[in-house]
């Protein structure tokens, strides 16, 4: 039965019979990173959203106090700068993939990001 399935789907069973358990799941370190990165981008988006909400609430509840208003603006600025840095890192990785002809994100042998 295994032989019939292997002949019908050679790509699907390529790594299944390999003896190295890490190669079956991730392939290499790049595969691990490719599997984790989508979660990091989602977490960064959620963190930015939370920082914007907290900064806005700080501004609304400051009641004119300059220190509280400065803290609210600081939270908003920190959230936007952090999200910009994560977006910039993604753009740099995409640029490196194009220029160097290597595959870092989404593809290769890595995780569910294929």
C-alpha atoms as a PDB file:
ATOM      1  CA  UNK A   1       0.000   0.000   0.000  1.00  0.00           C
ATOM      2  CA  UNK A   2       2.827   2.435   0.870  1.00  0.00           C
ATOM      3  CA  UNK A   3       4.475   1.760  -2.454  1.00  0.00           C
ATOM      4  CA  UNK A   4       1.268   2.580  -4.355  1.00  0.00           C
ATOM      5  CA  UNK A   5       0.855   5.881  -2.472  1.00  0.00           C
ATOM      6  CA  UNK A   6       4.513   6.758  -2.916  1.00  0.00           C
ATOM      7  CA  UNK A   7       4.261   6.227  -6.650  1.00  0.00           C
ATOM      8  CA  UNK A   8       1.042   8.237  -6.902  1.00  0.00           C
ATOM      9  CA  UNK A   9       2.312  11.174  -4.815  1.00  0.00           C
ATOM     10  CA  UNK A  10       6.129  11.246  -4.946  1.00  0.00           C
ATOM     11  CA  UNK A  11       6.426  14.808  -3.553  1.00  0.00           C
ATOM     12  CA  UNK A  12       4.064  14.141  -0.646  1.00  0.00           C
ATOM     13  CA  UNK A  13       6.064  11.178   0.612  1.00  0.00           C
ATOM     14  CA  UNK A  14       9.517  12.539  -0.170  1.00  0.00           C
ATOM     15  CA  UNK A  15      10.583  13.353   3.419  1.00  0.00           C
ATOM     16  CA  UNK A  16       8.274  10.956   5.261  1.00  0.00           C
ATOM     17  CA  UNK A  17      10.691   8.048   5.080  1.00  0.00           C
ATOM     18  CA  UNK A  18      13.729  10.106   6.080  1.00  0.00           C
ATOM     19  CA  UNK A  19      15.385   9.062   9.347  1.00  0.00           C
ATOM     20  CA  UNK A  20      16.006  12.591  10.665  1.00  0.00           C
ATOM     21  CA  UNK A  21      12.872  13.777  12.560  1.00  0.00           C
ATOM     22  CA  UNK A  22      13.756  17.492  12.245  1.00  0.00           C
ATOM     23  CA  UNK A  23      14.066  17.216   8.475  1.00  0.00           C
ATOM     24  CA  UNK A  24      10.613  15.661   8.228  1.00  0.00           C
ATOM     25  CA  UNK A  25       8.926  18.559   9.985  1.00  0.00           C
ATOM     26  CA  UNK A  26      11.033  21.643   9.223  1.00  0.00           C
ATOM     27  CA  UNK A  27      13.873  20.729   6.871  1.00  0.00           C
ATOM     28  CA  UNK A  28      16.441  23.085   8.397  1.00  0.00           C
ATOM     29  CA  UNK A  29      16.821  26.224  10.497  1.00  0.00           C
ATOM     30  CA  UNK A  30      15.295  28.306   7.701  1.00  0.00           C
ATOM     31  CA  UNK A  31      12.228  26.084   7.840  1.00  0.00           C
ATOM     32  CA  UNK A  32      11.851  26.720  11.552  1.00  0.00           C
ATOM     33  CA  UNK A  33      12.158  30.475  11.039  1.00  0.00           C
ATOM     34  CA  UNK A  34       9.698  30.385   8.150  1.00  0.00           C
ATOM     35  CA  UNK A  35       7.228  28.511  10.333  1.00  0.00           C
ATOM     36  CA  UNK A  36       7.519  31.022  13.199  1.00  0.00           C
ATOM     37  CA  UNK A  37       7.532  34.308  11.244  1.00  0.00           C
ATOM     38  CA  UNK A  38       3.812  34.441  10.394  1.00  0.00           C
ATOM     39  CA  UNK A  39       3.030  34.207  14.109  1.00  0.00           C
ATOM     40  CA  UNK A  40       5.491  37.007  14.854  1.00  0.00           C
ATOM     41  CA  UNK A  41       3.846  39.287  12.287  1.00  0.00           C
ATOM     42  CA  UNK A  42       0.396  38.610  13.719  1.00  0.00           C
ATOM     43  CA  UNK A  43       1.644  39.238  17.259  1.00  0.00           C
ATOM     44  CA  UNK A  44       3.247  42.513  16.127  1.00  0.00           C
ATOM     45  CA  UNK A  45      -0.026  43.640  14.552  1.00  0.00           C
ATOM     46  CA  UNK A  46      -1.950  42.806  17.709  1.00  0.00           C
ATOM     47  CA  UNK A  47       0.634  44.577  19.878  1.00  0.00           C
ATOM     48  CA  UNK A  48       0.343  47.701  17.713  1.00  0.00           C
ATOM     49  CA  UNK A  49      -3.438  47.594  18.029  1.00  0.00           C
ATOM     50  CA  UNK A  50      -3.236  47.259  21.812  1.00  0.00           C
ATOM     51  CA  UNK A  51      -0.703  50.108  22.058  1.00  0.00           C
ATOM     52  CA  UNK A  52      -2.932  52.382  19.959  1.00  0.00           C
ATOM     53  CA  UNK A  53      -5.958  51.568  22.115  1.00  0.00           C
ATOM     54  CA  UNK A  54      -4.036  52.121  25.365  1.00  0.00           C
ATOM     55  CA  UNK A  55      -2.565  55.385  24.058  1.00  0.00           C
ATOM     56  CA  UNK A  56      -5.995  56.610  22.994  1.00  0.00           C
ATOM     57  CA  UNK A  57      -7.495  55.701  26.348  1.00  0.00           C
ATOM     58  CA  UNK A  58      -4.626  57.497  28.072  1.00  0.00           C
ATOM     59  CA  UNK A  59      -5.327  60.616  26.033  1.00  0.00           C
ATOM     60  CA  UNK A  60      -9.051  60.475  26.726  1.00  0.00           C
ATOM     61  CA  UNK A  61      -8.601  60.030  30.453  1.00  0.00           C
ATOM     62  CA  UNK A  62      -5.775  62.550  30.850  1.00  0.00           C
ATOM     63  CA  UNK A  63      -8.229  65.406  31.569  1.00  0.00           C
ATOM     64  CA  UNK A  64      -5.721  67.964  30.376  1.00  0.00           C
ATOM     65  CA  UNK A  65      -2.760  66.758  32.466  1.00  0.00           C
ATOM     66  CA  UNK A  66       0.343  67.268  30.281  1.00  0.00           C
ATOM     67  CA  UNK A  67       2.177  64.269  31.804  1.00  0.00           C
ATOM     68  CA  UNK A  68      -0.660  61.853  31.071  1.00  0.00           C
ATOM     69  CA  UNK A  69      -1.118  63.281  27.582  1.00  0.00           C
ATOM     70  CA  UNK A  70       2.597  62.842  26.908  1.00  0.00           C
ATOM     71  CA  UNK A  71       2.377  59.213  28.091  1.00  0.00           C
ATOM     72  CA  UNK A  72      -0.602  58.584  25.783  1.00  0.00           C
ATOM     73  CA  UNK A  73       1.206  60.076  22.792  1.00  0.00           C
ATOM     74  CA  UNK A  74       4.284  58.028  23.737  1.00  0.00           C
ATOM     75  CA  UNK A  75       2.308  54.786  23.644  1.00  0.00           C
ATOM     76  CA  UNK A  76       0.828  55.635  20.264  1.00  0.00           C
ATOM     77  CA  UNK A  77       4.237  56.592  18.883  1.00  0.00           C
ATOM     78  CA  UNK A  78       5.866  53.427  20.265  1.00  0.00           C
ATOM     79  CA  UNK A  79       3.158  51.232  18.727  1.00  0.00           C
ATOM     80  CA  UNK A  80       3.514  52.840  15.309  1.00  0.00           C
ATOM     81  CA  UNK A  81       7.323  52.758  15.352  1.00  0.00           C
ATOM     82  CA  UNK A  82       7.341  49.091  16.408  1.00  0.00           C
ATOM     83  CA  UNK A  83       4.911  48.124  13.691  1.00  0.00           C
ATOM     84  CA  UNK A  84       6.935  50.090  11.129  1.00  0.00           C
ATOM     85  CA  UNK A  85      10.080  48.191  12.152  1.00  0.00           C
ATOM     86  CA  UNK A  86       8.338  44.831  11.748  1.00  0.00           C
ATOM     87  CA  UNK A  87       6.982  45.885   8.349  1.00  0.00           C
ATOM     88  CA  UNK A  88      10.448  47.128   7.349  1.00  0.00           C
ATOM     89  CA  UNK A  89      12.020  43.804   8.373  1.00  0.00           C
ATOM     90  CA  UNK A  90       9.501  41.941   6.197  1.00  0.00           C
ATOM     91  CA  UNK A  91      10.274  44.247   3.252  1.00  0.00           C
ATOM     92  CA  UNK A  92      14.023  43.720   3.726  1.00  0.00           C
ATOM     93  CA  UNK A  93      13.594  39.939   3.757  1.00  0.00           C
ATOM     94  CA  UNK A  94      11.525  40.120   0.564  1.00  0.00           C
ATOM     95  CA  UNK A  95      14.204  42.311  -1.047  1.00  0.00           C
ATOM     96  CA  UNK A  96      16.949  39.866  -0.045  1.00  0.00           C
ATOM     97  CA  UNK A  97      14.953  36.993  -1.506  1.00  0.00           C
ATOM     98  CA  UNK A  98      14.661  38.834  -4.807  1.00  0.00           C
ATOM     99  CA  UNK A  99      18.208  40.175  -5.049  1.00  0.00           C
ATOM    100  CA  UNK A 100      20.073  37.116  -3.806  1.00  0.00           C
ATOM    101  CA  UNK A 101      17.722  34.555  -5.306  1.00  0.00           C
ATOM    102  CA  UNK A 102      17.286  32.679  -2.038  1.00  0.00           C
ATOM    103  CA  UNK A 103      14.053  31.570  -0.429  1.00  0.00           C
ATOM    104  CA  UNK A 104      13.648  32.699   3.183  1.00  0.00           C
ATOM    105  CA  UNK A 105       9.910  33.104   3.738  1.00  0.00           C
ATOM    106  CA  UNK A 106       7.064  30.893   2.624  1.00  0.00           C
ATOM    107  CA  UNK A 107       8.304  27.963   0.733  1.00  0.00           C
ATOM    108  CA  UNK A 108      11.244  25.676   0.706  1.00  0.00           C
ATOM    109  CA  UNK A 109      10.816  22.924   3.223  1.00  0.00           C
ATOM    110  CA  UNK A 110       9.523  25.056   6.056  1.00  0.00           C
ATOM    111  CA  UNK A 111       6.441  24.436   8.136  1.00  0.00           C
ATOM    112  CA  UNK A 112       2.930  25.509   7.145  1.00  0.00           C
ATOM    113  CA  UNK A 113       4.141  28.686   5.453  1.00  0.00           C
ATOM    114  CA  UNK A 114       4.601  26.950   2.106  1.00  0.00           C
END
